[in-house]
C-alpha atoms as a PDB file:
ATOM      1  CA  UNK A   1     247.784 106.430  37.895  1.00  0.00           C
ATOM      2  CA  UNK A   2     244.231 107.269  39.720  1.00  0.00           C
ATOM      3  CA  UNK A   3     242.060 104.943  41.152  1.00  0.00           C
ATOM      4  CA  UNK A   4     238.866 104.803  38.628  1.00  0.00           C
ATOM      5  CA  UNK A   5     235.773 102.949  39.012  1.00  0.00           C
ATOM      6  CA  UNK A   6     234.857 100.126  36.908  1.00  0.00           C
ATOM      7  CA  UNK A   7     232.332 101.153  34.187  1.00  0.00           C
ATOM      8  CA  UNK A   8     229.300 100.189  34.172  1.00  0.00           C
ATOM      9  CA  UNK A   9     227.473  99.501  30.933  1.00  0.00           C
ATOM     10  CA  UNK A  10     224.722 101.607  30.491  1.00  0.00           C
ATOM     11  CA  UNK A  11     221.277 100.078  30.385  1.00  0.00           C
ATOM     12  CA  UNK A  12     218.927 100.792  27.396  1.00  0.00           C
ATOM     13  CA  UNK A  13     215.422 101.472  28.241  1.00  0.00           C
ATOM     14  CA  UNK A  14     212.656  99.949  25.903  1.00  0.00           C
ATOM     15  CA  UNK A  15     209.795 101.721  25.581  1.00  0.00           C
ATOM     16  CA  UNK A  16     207.345 102.216  28.437  1.00  0.00           C
ATOM     17  CA  UNK A  17     204.794  99.188  29.257  1.00  0.00           C
ATOM     18  CA  UNK A  18     202.055 100.220  27.864  1.00  0.00           C
ATOM     19  CA  UNK A  19     198.751  97.401  29.833  1.00  0.00           C
ATOM     20  CA  UNK A  20     196.940  95.261  27.212  1.00  0.00           C
ATOM     21  CA  UNK A  21     193.869  97.580  25.311  1.00  0.00           C
ATOM     22  CA  UNK A  22     191.149  95.311  26.537  1.00  0.00           C
ATOM     23  CA  UNK A  23     188.950  92.451  25.065  1.00  0.00           C
ATOM     24  CA  UNK A  24     185.709  93.998  22.910  1.00  0.00           C
ATOM     25  CA  UNK A  25     183.319  91.238  21.430  1.00  0.00           C
ATOM     26  CA  UNK A  26     180.057  91.049  20.753  1.00  0.00           C
ATOM     27  CA  UNK A  27     177.073  90.544  22.059  1.00  0.00           C
ATOM     28  CA  UNK A  28     176.846  86.770  19.936  1.00  0.00           C
ATOM     29  CA  UNK A  29     179.561  85.752  20.662  1.00  0.00           C
ATOM     30  CA  UNK A  30     179.217  86.480  24.044  1.00  0.00           C
ATOM     31  CA  UNK A  31     176.345  84.536  24.696  1.00  0.00           C
ATOM     32  CA  UNK A  32     178.165  81.535  22.391  1.00  0.00           C
ATOM     33  CA  UNK A  33     180.466  81.520  25.221  1.00  0.00           C
ATOM     34  CA  UNK A  34     178.255  81.611  27.845  1.00  0.00           C
ATOM     35  CA  UNK A  35     176.327  79.087  26.338  1.00  0.00           C
ATOM     36  CA  UNK A  36     179.004  77.478  26.981  1.00  0.00           C
ATOM     37  CA  UNK A  37     180.350  78.071  30.251  1.00  0.00           C
ATOM     38  CA  UNK A  38     176.597  76.495  30.939  1.00  0.00           C
ATOM     39  CA  UNK A  39     177.120  73.577  29.707  1.00  0.00           C
ATOM     40  CA  UNK A  40     180.047  73.226  30.614  1.00  0.00           C
ATOM     41  CA  UNK A  41     178.653  73.801  34.174  1.00  0.00           C
ATOM     42  CA  UNK A  42     175.556  71.932  33.555  1.00  0.00           C
ATOM     43  CA  UNK A  43     178.434  68.663  32.475  1.00  0.00           C
ATOM     44  CA  UNK A  44     180.179  68.604  36.700  1.00  0.00           C
ATOM     45  CA  UNK A  45     178.545  67.144  38.762  1.00  0.00           C
ATOM     46  CA  UNK A  46     180.250  69.586  41.590  1.00  0.00           C
ATOM     47  CA  UNK A  47     180.038  72.492  40.421  1.00  0.00           C
ATOM     48  CA  UNK A  48     176.517  71.882  38.710  1.00  0.00           C
ATOM     49  CA  UNK A  49     174.725  71.529  42.860  1.00  0.00           C
ATOM     50  CA  UNK A  50     177.700  74.166  43.990  1.00  0.00           C
ATOM     51  CA  UNK A  51     176.193  76.718  40.622  1.00  0.00           C
ATOM     52  CA  UNK A  52     172.264  75.685  41.728  1.00  0.00           C
ATOM     53  CA  UNK A  53     172.833  76.986  45.080  1.00  0.00           C
ATOM     54  CA  UNK A  54     174.829  80.240  44.991  1.00  0.00           C
ATOM     55  CA  UNK A  55     172.437  81.335  42.047  1.00  0.00           C
ATOM     56  CA  UNK A  56     168.528  79.905  44.080  1.00  0.00           C
ATOM     57  CA  UNK A  57     167.824  78.798  40.879  1.00  0.00           C
ATOM     58  CA  UNK A  58     166.075  75.229  40.652  1.00  0.00           C
ATOM     59  CA  UNK A  59     167.412  72.508  37.763  1.00  0.00           C
ATOM     60  CA  UNK A  60     164.470  72.068  36.512  1.00  0.00           C
ATOM     61  CA  UNK A  61     164.056  75.384  36.506  1.00  0.00           C
ATOM     62  CA  UNK A  62     167.215  76.494  34.350  1.00  0.00           C
ATOM     63  CA  UNK A  63     165.954  76.393  31.034  1.00  0.00           C
ATOM     64  CA  UNK A  64     163.086  79.037  31.230  1.00  0.00           C
ATOM     65  CA  UNK A  65     166.374  81.082  33.456  1.00  0.00           C
ATOM     66  CA  UNK A  66     168.317  81.149  30.881  1.00  0.00           C
ATOM     67  CA  UNK A  67     165.985  82.781  29.028  1.00  0.00           C
ATOM     68  CA  UNK A  68     165.643  85.547  31.806  1.00  0.00           C
ATOM     69  CA  UNK A  69     168.389  88.834  30.919  1.00  0.00           C
ATOM     70  CA  UNK A  70     171.423  88.678  33.120  1.00  0.00           C
ATOM     71  CA  UNK A  71     171.407  84.636  33.213  1.00  0.00           C
ATOM     72  CA  UNK A  72     173.774  84.656  30.980  1.00  0.00           C
ATOM     73  CA  UNK A  73     176.240  87.205  32.838  1.00  0.00           C
ATOM     74  CA  UNK A  74     175.493  85.085  35.400  1.00  0.00           C
ATOM     75  CA  UNK A  75     176.733  82.488  34.710  1.00  0.00           C
ATOM     76  CA  UNK A  76     179.742  83.782  33.395  1.00  0.00           C
ATOM     77  CA  UNK A  77     180.492  85.733  36.412  1.00  0.00           C
ATOM     78  CA  UNK A  78     180.434  82.278  38.707  1.00  0.00           C
ATOM     79  CA  UNK A  79     183.221  81.173  36.026  1.00  0.00           C
ATOM     80  CA  UNK A  80     185.263  84.259  36.816  1.00  0.00           C
ATOM     81  CA  UNK A  81     184.716  83.774  41.030  1.00  0.00           C
ATOM     82  CA  UNK A  82     186.934  80.723  40.990  1.00  0.00           C
ATOM     83  CA  UNK A  83     189.799  80.967  39.790  1.00  0.00           C
ATOM     84  CA  UNK A  84     190.314  77.109  39.202  1.00  0.00           C
ATOM     85  CA  UNK A  85     186.378  76.797  37.758  1.00  0.00           C
ATOM     86  CA  UNK A  86     187.328  79.434  34.951  1.00  0.00           C
ATOM     87  CA  UNK A  87     191.136  77.441  34.307  1.00  0.00           C
ATOM     88  CA  UNK A  88     189.033  73.787  34.016  1.00  0.00           C
ATOM     89  CA  UNK A  89     186.762  76.526  31.292  1.00  0.00           C
ATOM     90  CA  UNK A  90     189.624  78.492  29.482  1.00  0.00           C
ATOM     91  CA  UNK A  91     190.853  74.821  29.416  1.00  0.00           C
ATOM     92  CA  UNK A  92     188.388  72.149  28.030  1.00  0.00           C
ATOM     93  CA  UNK A  93     186.810  75.733  25.903  1.00  0.00           C
ATOM     94  CA  UNK A  94     190.137  76.717  24.431  1.00  0.00           C
ATOM     95  CA  UNK A  95     189.039  79.536  25.341  1.00  0.00           C
ATOM     96  CA  UNK A  96     191.742  82.363  27.707  1.00  0.00           C
ATOM     97  CA  UNK A  97     190.449  84.442  30.753  1.00  0.00           C
ATOM     98  CA  UNK A  98     190.277  87.843  29.174  1.00  0.00           C
ATOM     99  CA  UNK A  99     187.615  86.456  26.676  1.00  0.00           C
ATOM    100  CA  UNK A 100     185.337  85.019  29.815  1.00  0.00           C
ATOM    101  CA  UNK A 101     185.987  89.045  30.963  1.00  0.00           C
ATOM    102  CA  UNK A 102     185.528  90.209  27.410  1.00  0.00           C
ATOM    103  CA  UNK A 103     181.908  88.277  27.130  1.00  0.00           C
ATOM    104  CA  UNK A 104     181.176  88.454  30.642  1.00  0.00           C
ATOM    105  CA  UNK A 105     180.380  92.786  29.862  1.00  0.00           C
ATOM    106  CA  UNK A 106     179.164  92.126  26.675  1.00  0.00           C
ATOM    107  CA  UNK A 107     176.219  90.620  27.912  1.00  0.00           C
ATOM    108  CA  UNK A 108     173.604  91.999  29.617  1.00  0.00           C
ATOM    109  CA  UNK A 109     173.771  93.365  33.373  1.00  0.00           C
ATOM    110  CA  UNK A 110     177.577  91.719  32.853  1.00  0.00           C
ATOM    111  CA  UNK A 111     179.349  95.400  33.501  1.00  0.00           C
ATOM    112  CA  UNK A 112     179.886  97.493  36.251  1.00  0.00           C
ATOM    113  CA  UNK A 113     176.553 100.012  34.777  1.00  0.00           C
ATOM    114  CA  UNK A 114     174.223  98.512  36.964  1.00  0.00           C
ATOM    115  CA  UNK A 115     170.869 100.544  35.282  1.00  0.00           C
ATOM    116  CA  UNK A 116     172.584 101.316  33.098  1.00  0.00           C
ATOM    117  CA  UNK A 117     173.291  96.746  31.314  1.00  0.00           C
ATOM    118  CA  UNK A 118     170.494  96.096  28.321  1.00  0.00           C
END
């Protein structure tokens, strides 16, 4: 008998993996998420001073600043820039990080097209 190599089972390959499609979100939903994020930041005695220092906004001016285009996107950018903060907000709100990213992209000045954002 000839020396035969052991037969290896054939590996079956599944279909090619595709990246998940990006989450799309309307502006109203994005604003609701950003307002919830602002409330989350404002209620935290550690995050609020950090947010105010980074944004350069005085505590008394937050309410007026919140009406400015781009402010809510800035709140979400603040969350997205620090993974532990993002995780804490997602846990508290029941949102998932891809929805936070989608909300950011749906808000004025929340995408990479700085000049075209509305």
